[in-house]
C-alpha atoms as a PDB file:
ATOM      1  CA  UNK A   1       9.898  18.454  -0.783  1.00  0.00           C
ATOM      2  CA  UNK A   2       7.785  16.564   1.717  1.00  0.00           C
ATOM      3  CA  UNK A   3       5.003  18.546   3.338  1.00  0.00           C
ATOM      4  CA  UNK A   4       5.280  20.099   6.785  1.00  0.00           C
ATOM      5  CA  UNK A   5       1.840  18.598   7.549  1.00  0.00           C
ATOM      6  CA  UNK A   6       3.613  15.253   8.033  1.00  0.00           C
ATOM      7  CA  UNK A   7       5.665  16.606  10.941  1.00  0.00           C
ATOM      8  CA  UNK A   8       3.351  15.067  13.604  1.00  0.00           C
ATOM      9  CA  UNK A   9       3.839  11.636  12.050  1.00  0.00           C
ATOM     10  CA  UNK A  10       7.603  12.077  11.963  1.00  0.00           C
ATOM     11  CA  UNK A  11       7.661  13.174  15.593  1.00  0.00           C
ATOM     12  CA  UNK A  12       5.547  10.187  16.609  1.00  0.00           C
ATOM     13  CA  UNK A  13       7.922   7.831  14.824  1.00  0.00           C
ATOM     14  CA  UNK A  14      10.976   9.381  16.458  1.00  0.00           C
ATOM     15  CA  UNK A  15       9.397   9.324  19.914  1.00  0.00           C
ATOM     16  CA  UNK A  16       8.556   5.651  19.493  1.00  0.00           C
ATOM     17  CA  UNK A  17      12.263   4.879  19.557  1.00  0.00           C
ATOM     18  CA  UNK A  18      15.464   5.611  17.629  1.00  0.00           C
ATOM     19  CA  UNK A  19      16.228   3.763  14.443  1.00  0.00           C
ATOM     20  CA  UNK A  20      19.283   1.547  14.619  1.00  0.00           C
ATOM     21  CA  UNK A  21      22.384   2.742  12.784  1.00  0.00           C
ATOM     22  CA  UNK A  22      22.711  -0.775  11.361  1.00  0.00           C
ATOM     23  CA  UNK A  23      19.154  -2.037  11.104  1.00  0.00           C
ATOM     24  CA  UNK A  24      17.970  -5.616  11.450  1.00  0.00           C
ATOM     25  CA  UNK A  25      18.360  -7.220   8.006  1.00  0.00           C
ATOM     26  CA  UNK A  26      15.106  -8.277   6.334  1.00  0.00           C
ATOM     27  CA  UNK A  27      14.120  -9.161   2.800  1.00  0.00           C
ATOM     28  CA  UNK A  28      11.453  -6.467   2.589  1.00  0.00           C
ATOM     29  CA  UNK A  29      10.361  -3.307   4.373  1.00  0.00           C
ATOM     30  CA  UNK A  30       6.666  -2.988   3.529  1.00  0.00           C
ATOM     31  CA  UNK A  31       4.308  -0.108   4.277  1.00  0.00           C
ATOM     32  CA  UNK A  32       0.652  -1.043   3.754  1.00  0.00           C
ATOM     33  CA  UNK A  33      -0.945   2.354   3.069  1.00  0.00           C
ATOM     34  CA  UNK A  34      -4.732   1.965   3.075  1.00  0.00           C
ATOM     35  CA  UNK A  35      -7.330   4.574   2.089  1.00  0.00           C
ATOM     36  CA  UNK A  36      -9.953   5.289   4.785  1.00  0.00           C
ATOM     37  CA  UNK A  37     -11.641   8.285   3.150  1.00  0.00           C
ATOM     38  CA  UNK A  38     -15.429   8.600   3.366  1.00  0.00           C
ATOM     39  CA  UNK A  39     -15.902   7.084  -0.101  1.00  0.00           C
ATOM     40  CA  UNK A  40     -15.068   3.738   1.510  1.00  0.00           C
ATOM     41  CA  UNK A  41     -18.017   2.920   3.750  1.00  0.00           C
ATOM     42  CA  UNK A  42     -17.905   0.925   6.973  1.00  0.00           C
ATOM     43  CA  UNK A  43     -18.688  -2.396   5.277  1.00  0.00           C
ATOM     44  CA  UNK A  44     -16.015  -1.995   2.618  1.00  0.00           C
ATOM     45  CA  UNK A  45     -13.581  -0.666   5.202  1.00  0.00           C
ATOM     46  CA  UNK A  46     -13.976  -3.820   7.257  1.00  0.00           C
ATOM     47  CA  UNK A  47     -13.428  -5.910   4.128  1.00  0.00           C
ATOM     48  CA  UNK A  48     -10.159  -4.077   3.548  1.00  0.00           C
ATOM     49  CA  UNK A  49      -8.925  -4.465   7.103  1.00  0.00           C
ATOM     50  CA  UNK A  50      -9.920  -8.110   7.412  1.00  0.00           C
ATOM     51  CA  UNK A  51      -8.552  -8.841   3.951  1.00  0.00           C
ATOM     52  CA  UNK A  52      -5.094  -7.891   5.156  1.00  0.00           C
ATOM     53  CA  UNK A  53      -5.520  -9.755   8.441  1.00  0.00           C
ATOM     54  CA  UNK A  54      -6.673 -12.911   6.645  1.00  0.00           C
ATOM     55  CA  UNK A  55      -3.759 -12.696   4.241  1.00  0.00           C
ATOM     56  CA  UNK A  56      -1.208 -12.713   7.050  1.00  0.00           C
ATOM     57  CA  UNK A  57      -2.929 -15.754   8.554  1.00  0.00           C
ATOM     58  CA  UNK A  58      -2.539 -17.591   5.243  1.00  0.00           C
ATOM     59  CA  UNK A  59       0.218 -20.205   5.229  1.00  0.00           C
ATOM     60  CA  UNK A  60       1.155 -19.202   1.679  1.00  0.00           C
ATOM     61  CA  UNK A  61       2.197 -15.771   2.944  1.00  0.00           C
ATOM     62  CA  UNK A  62       4.297 -17.345   5.698  1.00  0.00           C
ATOM     63  CA  UNK A  63       5.931 -19.710   3.204  1.00  0.00           C
ATOM     64  CA  UNK A  64       6.734 -16.804   0.873  1.00  0.00           C
ATOM     65  CA  UNK A  65       8.327 -14.882   3.740  1.00  0.00           C
ATOM     66  CA  UNK A  66      10.387 -17.852   4.882  1.00  0.00           C
ATOM     67  CA  UNK A  67      11.649 -18.472   1.337  1.00  0.00           C
ATOM     68  CA  UNK A  68      13.635 -15.222   1.280  1.00  0.00           C
ATOM     69  CA  UNK A  69      17.356 -14.966   1.976  1.00  0.00           C
ATOM     70  CA  UNK A  70      16.733 -13.586   5.471  1.00  0.00           C
ATOM     71  CA  UNK A  71      13.459 -15.450   5.975  1.00  0.00           C
ATOM     72  CA  UNK A  72      11.784 -12.332   7.340  1.00  0.00           C
ATOM     73  CA  UNK A  73      10.099  -9.073   6.413  1.00  0.00           C
ATOM     74  CA  UNK A  74       9.191  -5.916   8.337  1.00  0.00           C
ATOM     75  CA  UNK A  75       5.686  -4.530   7.842  1.00  0.00           C
ATOM     76  CA  UNK A  76       3.595  -1.650   9.149  1.00  0.00           C
ATOM     77  CA  UNK A  77      -0.066  -0.780   8.486  1.00  0.00           C
ATOM     78  CA  UNK A  78      -0.919   2.870   7.788  1.00  0.00           C
ATOM     79  CA  UNK A  79      -4.391   4.318   7.221  1.00  0.00           C
ATOM     80  CA  UNK A  80      -4.706   7.642   5.429  1.00  0.00           C
ATOM     81  CA  UNK A  81      -7.176  10.116   3.976  1.00  0.00           C
ATOM     82  CA  UNK A  82      -6.549  13.898   4.029  1.00  0.00           C
ATOM     83  CA  UNK A  83      -3.088  15.430   3.710  1.00  0.00           C
ATOM     84  CA  UNK A  84      -3.069  15.930   7.494  1.00  0.00           C
ATOM     85  CA  UNK A  85      -4.318  12.442   8.352  1.00  0.00           C
ATOM     86  CA  UNK A  86      -2.033   9.419   8.423  1.00  0.00           C
ATOM     87  CA  UNK A  87      -2.506   6.949  11.262  1.00  0.00           C
ATOM     88  CA  UNK A  88      -0.175   4.068  12.050  1.00  0.00           C
ATOM     89  CA  UNK A  89      -2.593   1.303  13.015  1.00  0.00           C
ATOM     90  CA  UNK A  90       0.069  -1.365  13.575  1.00  0.00           C
ATOM     91  CA  UNK A  91       3.687  -0.290  13.961  1.00  0.00           C
ATOM     92  CA  UNK A  92       6.707  -1.939  12.420  1.00  0.00           C
ATOM     93  CA  UNK A  93       6.575  -5.672  13.038  1.00  0.00           C
ATOM     94  CA  UNK A  94       9.120  -8.360  12.223  1.00  0.00           C
ATOM     95  CA  UNK A  95       7.408 -11.280  10.490  1.00  0.00           C
ATOM     96  CA  UNK A  96       9.579 -14.385  10.420  1.00  0.00           C
ATOM     97  CA  UNK A  97       7.093 -17.213  10.837  1.00  0.00           C
ATOM     98  CA  UNK A  98       3.523 -18.267  11.542  1.00  0.00           C
ATOM     99  CA  UNK A  99       3.407 -16.983  15.110  1.00  0.00           C
ATOM    100  CA  UNK A 100       4.619 -13.506  14.162  1.00  0.00           C
ATOM    101  CA  UNK A 101       2.265 -13.351  11.164  1.00  0.00           C
ATOM    102  CA  UNK A 102      -0.722 -14.366  13.293  1.00  0.00           C
ATOM    103  CA  UNK A 103       0.255 -11.786  15.899  1.00  0.00           C
ATOM    104  CA  UNK A 104       0.363  -9.029  13.296  1.00  0.00           C
ATOM    105  CA  UNK A 105      -3.064 -10.093  12.013  1.00  0.00           C
ATOM    106  CA  UNK A 106      -4.509 -10.120  15.540  1.00  0.00           C
ATOM    107  CA  UNK A 107      -3.193  -6.628  16.328  1.00  0.00           C
ATOM    108  CA  UNK A 108      -4.604  -5.345  13.064  1.00  0.00           C
ATOM    109  CA  UNK A 109      -8.056  -6.851  13.631  1.00  0.00           C
ATOM    110  CA  UNK A 110      -8.219  -5.465  17.178  1.00  0.00           C
ATOM    111  CA  UNK A 111      -7.770  -1.813  16.205  1.00  0.00           C
ATOM    112  CA  UNK A 112     -10.790   0.484  15.690  1.00  0.00           C
ATOM    113  CA  UNK A 113     -11.354   1.888  12.231  1.00  0.00           C
ATOM    114  CA  UNK A 114     -11.534   5.661  11.723  1.00  0.00           C
ATOM    115  CA  UNK A 115     -12.807   7.315   8.527  1.00  0.00           C
ATOM    116  CA  UNK A 116     -11.907  10.829   7.385  1.00  0.00           C
ATOM    117  CA  UNK A 117     -12.572  13.204   4.480  1.00  0.00           C
ATOM    118  CA  UNK A 118     -10.452  13.734   1.348  1.00  0.00           C
ATOM    119  CA  UNK A 119      -8.024  11.542  -0.575  1.00  0.00           C
ATOM    120  CA  UNK A 120      -4.377  12.614  -0.302  1.00  0.00           C
ATOM    121  CA  UNK A 121      -2.343   9.941  -2.058  1.00  0.00           C
ATOM    122  CA  UNK A 122       0.773  12.092  -2.272  1.00  0.00           C
ATOM    123  CA  UNK A 123       0.825  12.638   1.484  1.00  0.00           C
ATOM    124  CA  UNK A 124       0.326   8.904   2.052  1.00  0.00           C
ATOM    125  CA  UNK A 125       3.389   8.128  -0.065  1.00  0.00           C
ATOM    126  CA  UNK A 126       5.389  10.773   1.804  1.00  0.00           C
ATOM    127  CA  UNK A 127       4.313   9.222   5.103  1.00  0.00           C
ATOM    128  CA  UNK A 128       5.429   5.807   3.913  1.00  0.00           C
ATOM    129  CA  UNK A 129       8.877   7.129   3.029  1.00  0.00           C
ATOM    130  CA  UNK A 130       9.182   8.707   6.489  1.00  0.00           C
ATOM    131  CA  UNK A 131       8.214   5.429   8.149  1.00  0.00           C
ATOM    132  CA  UNK A 132      10.770   3.488   6.128  1.00  0.00           C
ATOM    133  CA  UNK A 133      13.506   6.000   6.875  1.00  0.00           C
ATOM    134  CA  UNK A 134      12.921   5.956  10.634  1.00  0.00           C
ATOM    135  CA  UNK A 135      12.469   2.242  11.331  1.00  0.00           C
ATOM    136  CA  UNK A 136      14.898  -0.239  12.888  1.00  0.00           C
ATOM    137  CA  UNK A 137      15.244  -2.473   9.817  1.00  0.00           C
ATOM    138  CA  UNK A 138      17.375  -2.646   6.707  1.00  0.00           C
ATOM    139  CA  UNK A 139      15.509  -4.294   3.880  1.00  0.00           C
ATOM    140  CA  UNK A 140      16.879  -5.631   0.638  1.00  0.00           C
ATOM    141  CA  UNK A 141      13.767  -4.043  -0.860  1.00  0.00           C
ATOM    142  CA  UNK A 142      11.600  -1.161   0.306  1.00  0.00           C
ATOM    143  CA  UNK A 143       7.969  -0.989  -0.845  1.00  0.00           C
ATOM    144  CA  UNK A 144       4.975   1.249  -0.192  1.00  0.00           C
ATOM    145  CA  UNK A 145       1.737  -0.500  -1.090  1.00  0.00           C
ATOM    146  CA  UNK A 146      -1.013   2.058  -1.779  1.00  0.00           C
ATOM    147  CA  UNK A 147      -4.646   0.915  -1.946  1.00  0.00           C
ATOM    148  CA  UNK A 148      -7.629   3.164  -2.569  1.00  0.00           C
ATOM    149  CA  UNK A 149     -10.785   3.841  -4.543  1.00  0.00           C
ATOM    150  CA  UNK A 150     -10.306   7.393  -5.804  1.00  0.00           C
ATOM    151  CA  UNK A 151      -7.959   9.924  -7.349  1.00  0.00           C
ATOM    152  CA  UNK A 152      -5.989  12.471  -5.360  1.00  0.00           C
ATOM    153  CA  UNK A 153      -8.115  15.475  -4.327  1.00  0.00           C
ATOM    154  CA  UNK A 154      -6.104  16.942  -1.444  1.00  0.00           C
ATOM    155  CA  UNK A 155      -2.488  17.863  -0.832  1.00  0.00           C
ATOM    156  CA  UNK A 156       0.362  17.692  -3.276  1.00  0.00           C
ATOM    157  CA  UNK A 157       0.442  15.679  -6.472  1.00  0.00           C
ATOM    158  CA  UNK A 158       1.097  11.973  -5.935  1.00  0.00           C
ATOM    159  CA  UNK A 159       3.374  11.811  -8.979  1.00  0.00           C
ATOM    160  CA  UNK A 160       5.808  14.205  -7.283  1.00  0.00           C
ATOM    161  CA  UNK A 161       5.761  12.149  -4.079  1.00  0.00           C
ATOM    162  CA  UNK A 162       6.210   8.951  -6.080  1.00  0.00           C
ATOM    163  CA  UNK A 163       9.190  10.312  -7.988  1.00  0.00           C
ATOM    164  CA  UNK A 164      10.897  11.393  -4.763  1.00  0.00           C
ATOM    165  CA  UNK A 165      10.228   7.976  -3.236  1.00  0.00           C
ATOM    166  CA  UNK A 166      11.754   6.227  -6.248  1.00  0.00           C
ATOM    167  CA  UNK A 167      14.819   8.463  -5.929  1.00  0.00           C
ATOM    168  CA  UNK A 168      15.108   7.214  -2.334  1.00  0.00           C
ATOM    169  CA  UNK A 169      15.092   3.605  -3.527  1.00  0.00           C
ATOM    170  CA  UNK A 170      11.445   2.921  -2.648  1.00  0.00           C
ATOM    171  CA  UNK A 171       9.028   1.089  -4.956  1.00  0.00           C
ATOM    172  CA  UNK A 172       5.333   2.047  -5.045  1.00  0.00           C
ATOM    173  CA  UNK A 173       2.789  -0.666  -5.859  1.00  0.00           C
ATOM    174  CA  UNK A 174      -0.939  -0.069  -6.187  1.00  0.00           C
ATOM    175  CA  UNK A 175      -4.256  -1.763  -5.537  1.00  0.00           C
ATOM    176  CA  UNK A 176      -7.022   0.217  -7.215  1.00  0.00           C
ATOM    177  CA  UNK A 177     -10.618  -0.484  -6.177  1.00  0.00           C
ATOM    178  CA  UNK A 178     -12.667   0.402  -9.257  1.00  0.00           C
ATOM    179  CA  UNK A 179     -16.388   0.927  -8.801  1.00  0.00           C
ATOM    180  CA  UNK A 180     -19.005   2.814 -10.821  1.00  0.00           C
ATOM    181  CA  UNK A 181     -18.975   6.557 -10.131  1.00  0.00           C
ATOM    182  CA  UNK A 182     -22.106   8.755 -10.188  1.00  0.00           C
ATOM    183  CA  UNK A 183     -22.701  10.349 -13.575  1.00  0.00           C
ATOM    184  CA  UNK A 184     -22.722  13.778 -11.924  1.00  0.00           C
ATOM    185  CA  UNK A 185     -19.194  13.496 -10.507  1.00  0.00           C
ATOM    186  CA  UNK A 186     -17.375  16.802 -11.051  1.00  0.00           C
ATOM    187  CA  UNK A 187     -14.745  17.300 -12.114  1.00  0.00           C
ATOM    188  CA  UNK A 188     -14.872  14.091 -14.147  1.00  0.00           C
ATOM    189  CA  UNK A 189     -12.288  11.550 -13.034  1.00  0.00           C
ATOM    190  CA  UNK A 190     -10.060   9.416 -15.269  1.00  0.00           C
ATOM    191  CA  UNK A 191     -10.297   5.622 -14.994  1.00  0.00           C
ATOM    192  CA  UNK A 192      -8.727   4.793 -11.647  1.00  0.00           C
ATOM    193  CA  UNK A 193      -6.463   2.066 -12.998  1.00  0.00           C
ATOM    194  CA  UNK A 194      -5.004   4.463 -15.543  1.00  0.00           C
ATOM    195  CA  UNK A 195      -4.671   7.198 -12.910  1.00  0.00           C
ATOM    196  CA  UNK A 196      -2.773   4.906 -10.531  1.00  0.00           C
ATOM    197  CA  UNK A 197      -0.443   3.746 -13.250  1.00  0.00           C
ATOM    198  CA  UNK A 198       0.343   7.260 -14.431  1.00  0.00           C
ATOM    199  CA  UNK A 199       0.538   8.980 -11.035  1.00  0.00           C
ATOM    200  CA  UNK A 200       1.072   6.467  -8.231  1.00  0.00           C
ATOM    201  CA  UNK A 201       2.869   3.270  -9.258  1.00  0.00           C
ATOM    202  CA  UNK A 202       6.597   3.252  -9.976  1.00  0.00           C
ATOM    203  CA  UNK A 203      10.021   1.883  -9.149  1.00  0.00           C
ATOM    204  CA  UNK A 204      11.786  -1.439  -9.543  1.00  0.00           C
ATOM    205  CA  UNK A 205       9.372  -4.321 -10.220  1.00  0.00           C
ATOM    206  CA  UNK A 206       6.366  -2.115  -9.469  1.00  0.00           C
ATOM    207  CA  UNK A 207       2.891  -3.303 -10.414  1.00  0.00           C
ATOM    208  CA  UNK A 208      -0.786  -2.439 -10.192  1.00  0.00           C
ATOM    209  CA  UNK A 209      -3.628  -4.783  -9.287  1.00  0.00           C
ATOM    210  CA  UNK A 210      -7.264  -3.859  -9.851  1.00  0.00           C
ATOM    211  CA  UNK A 211     -10.340  -5.064  -7.964  1.00  0.00           C
ATOM    212  CA  UNK A 212     -13.662  -4.148  -9.542  1.00  0.00           C
ATOM    213  CA  UNK A 213     -15.856  -4.839  -6.524  1.00  0.00           C
ATOM    214  CA  UNK A 214     -15.380  -4.779  -2.766  1.00  0.00           C
ATOM    215  CA  UNK A 215     -15.862  -8.532  -2.451  1.00  0.00           C
ATOM    216  CA  UNK A 216     -12.795  -9.012  -4.649  1.00  0.00           C
ATOM    217  CA  UNK A 217     -10.612  -7.145  -2.209  1.00  0.00           C
ATOM    218  CA  UNK A 218      -9.490  -9.976   0.130  1.00  0.00           C
ATOM    219  CA  UNK A 219      -8.295 -12.208  -2.687  1.00  0.00           C
ATOM    220  CA  UNK A 220      -6.696  -9.281  -4.494  1.00  0.00           C
ATOM    221  CA  UNK A 221      -4.783  -8.463  -1.298  1.00  0.00           C
ATOM    222  CA  UNK A 222      -3.500 -12.025  -1.046  1.00  0.00           C
ATOM    223  CA  UNK A 223      -2.355 -12.005  -4.664  1.00  0.00           C
ATOM    224  CA  UNK A 224      -0.657  -8.648  -4.204  1.00  0.00           C
ATOM    225  CA  UNK A 225       1.155  -9.584  -0.994  1.00  0.00           C
ATOM    226  CA  UNK A 226       2.402 -12.873  -2.424  1.00  0.00           C
ATOM    227  CA  UNK A 227       3.768 -10.997  -5.404  1.00  0.00           C
ATOM    228  CA  UNK A 228       5.427  -8.318  -3.273  1.00  0.00           C
ATOM    229  CA  UNK A 229       6.986 -10.696  -0.775  1.00  0.00           C
ATOM    230  CA  UNK A 230       8.317 -12.993  -3.494  1.00  0.00           C
ATOM    231  CA  UNK A 231       9.486  -9.971  -5.530  1.00  0.00           C
ATOM    232  CA  UNK A 232       7.653 -11.420  -8.493  1.00  0.00           C
ATOM    233  CA  UNK A 233       6.922  -8.098 -10.168  1.00  0.00           C
ATOM    234  CA  UNK A 234       7.361  -7.721 -13.892  1.00  0.00           C
ATOM    235  CA  UNK A 235       8.566  -4.679 -15.812  1.00  0.00           C
ATOM    236  CA  UNK A 236       8.168  -1.361 -13.938  1.00  0.00           C
ATOM    237  CA  UNK A 237       4.538  -0.268 -13.663  1.00  0.00           C
ATOM    238  CA  UNK A 238       3.261  -3.539 -15.104  1.00  0.00           C
ATOM    239  CA  UNK A 239      -0.530  -3.685 -15.262  1.00  0.00           C
ATOM    240  CA  UNK A 240      -2.192  -6.710 -13.673  1.00  0.00           C
ATOM    241  CA  UNK A 241      -5.926  -7.321 -13.942  1.00  0.00           C
ATOM    242  CA  UNK A 242      -7.859  -9.263 -11.334  1.00  0.00           C
ATOM    243  CA  UNK A 243      -9.263 -12.540 -12.578  1.00  0.00           C
ATOM    244  CA  UNK A 244     -12.888 -12.598 -13.653  1.00  0.00           C
ATOM    245  CA  UNK A 245     -13.879 -14.780 -10.711  1.00  0.00           C
ATOM    246  CA  UNK A 246     -13.040 -11.854  -8.445  1.00  0.00           C
ATOM    247  CA  UNK A 247     -15.305  -9.422 -10.265  1.00  0.00           C
ATOM    248  CA  UNK A 248     -15.432  -8.135 -13.797  1.00  0.00           C
ATOM    249  CA  UNK A 249     -11.948  -8.357 -15.273  1.00  0.00           C
ATOM    250  CA  UNK A 250     -10.417  -5.067 -16.355  1.00  0.00           C
ATOM    251  CA  UNK A 251      -8.011  -5.192 -19.251  1.00  0.00           C
ATOM    252  CA  UNK A 252      -6.338  -2.198 -20.846  1.00  0.00           C
ATOM    253  CA  UNK A 253      -3.651  -3.626 -23.154  1.00  0.00           C
ATOM    254  CA  UNK A 254      -2.913  -0.144 -24.472  1.00  0.00           C
ATOM    255  CA  UNK A 255      -1.348   0.738 -21.124  1.00  0.00           C
ATOM    256  CA  UNK A 256       1.541  -1.602 -21.828  1.00  0.00           C
ATOM    257  CA  UNK A 257       2.458   0.498 -24.858  1.00  0.00           C
ATOM    258  CA  UNK A 258       3.110   3.601 -22.786  1.00  0.00           C
ATOM    259  CA  UNK A 259       6.428   4.569 -21.297  1.00  0.00           C
ATOM    260  CA  UNK A 260       7.035   2.977 -17.911  1.00  0.00           C
ATOM    261  CA  UNK A 261       8.983   4.225 -14.937  1.00  0.00           C
END
């Protein structure tokens, strides 16, 4: 059951305008759900934000969008931290060409960044499902793209939110930012890539991409978006490592041997 703490977000979505009974057909409804907890400092936060903006300015993204059956996607950008904090930075936008993609990027770059405490991945997934359910589009695919640098430490378990999202026909992809943690971290955290795969990622053609340093983030975003828009995922919960040129490559072949969702 989705938390009552998300009621303000739901009310804001409903007040913004009613969803259409028969939504505008698109190839993909995409929620970009981006971690803005305090563990991501101002410099890294700007890299995240601008990484997404740069990606939508990239002609390869536009070409991927135009190659779909409908030649369009709907996308919204959500920042999140605590269970009570989800902020829609850019509302649902129809992207059907270069002009629309550039406009989305410009609106994203123009918004101020706000950082908050805690990491509530489960609530972020719940918020994404609410946004998809209340928009004015009908996508062939529905995806929530969760990016972050830490495990859940607030709100309900992300695995429960993920499983409910999958039941609603929503796929969850992940971008895990893996960086060294202080030796004194308590309680000790599992490797973030493994945590995301076991607790966050799931659904049809879901996948996980890992960036091992902040500077790798922009190129990892581009790779991830191209894969999502083209629906080029592999088996559910497939693990994808970022190439060595983007930071130290992370490879955990044993993950492929585990059951996938």
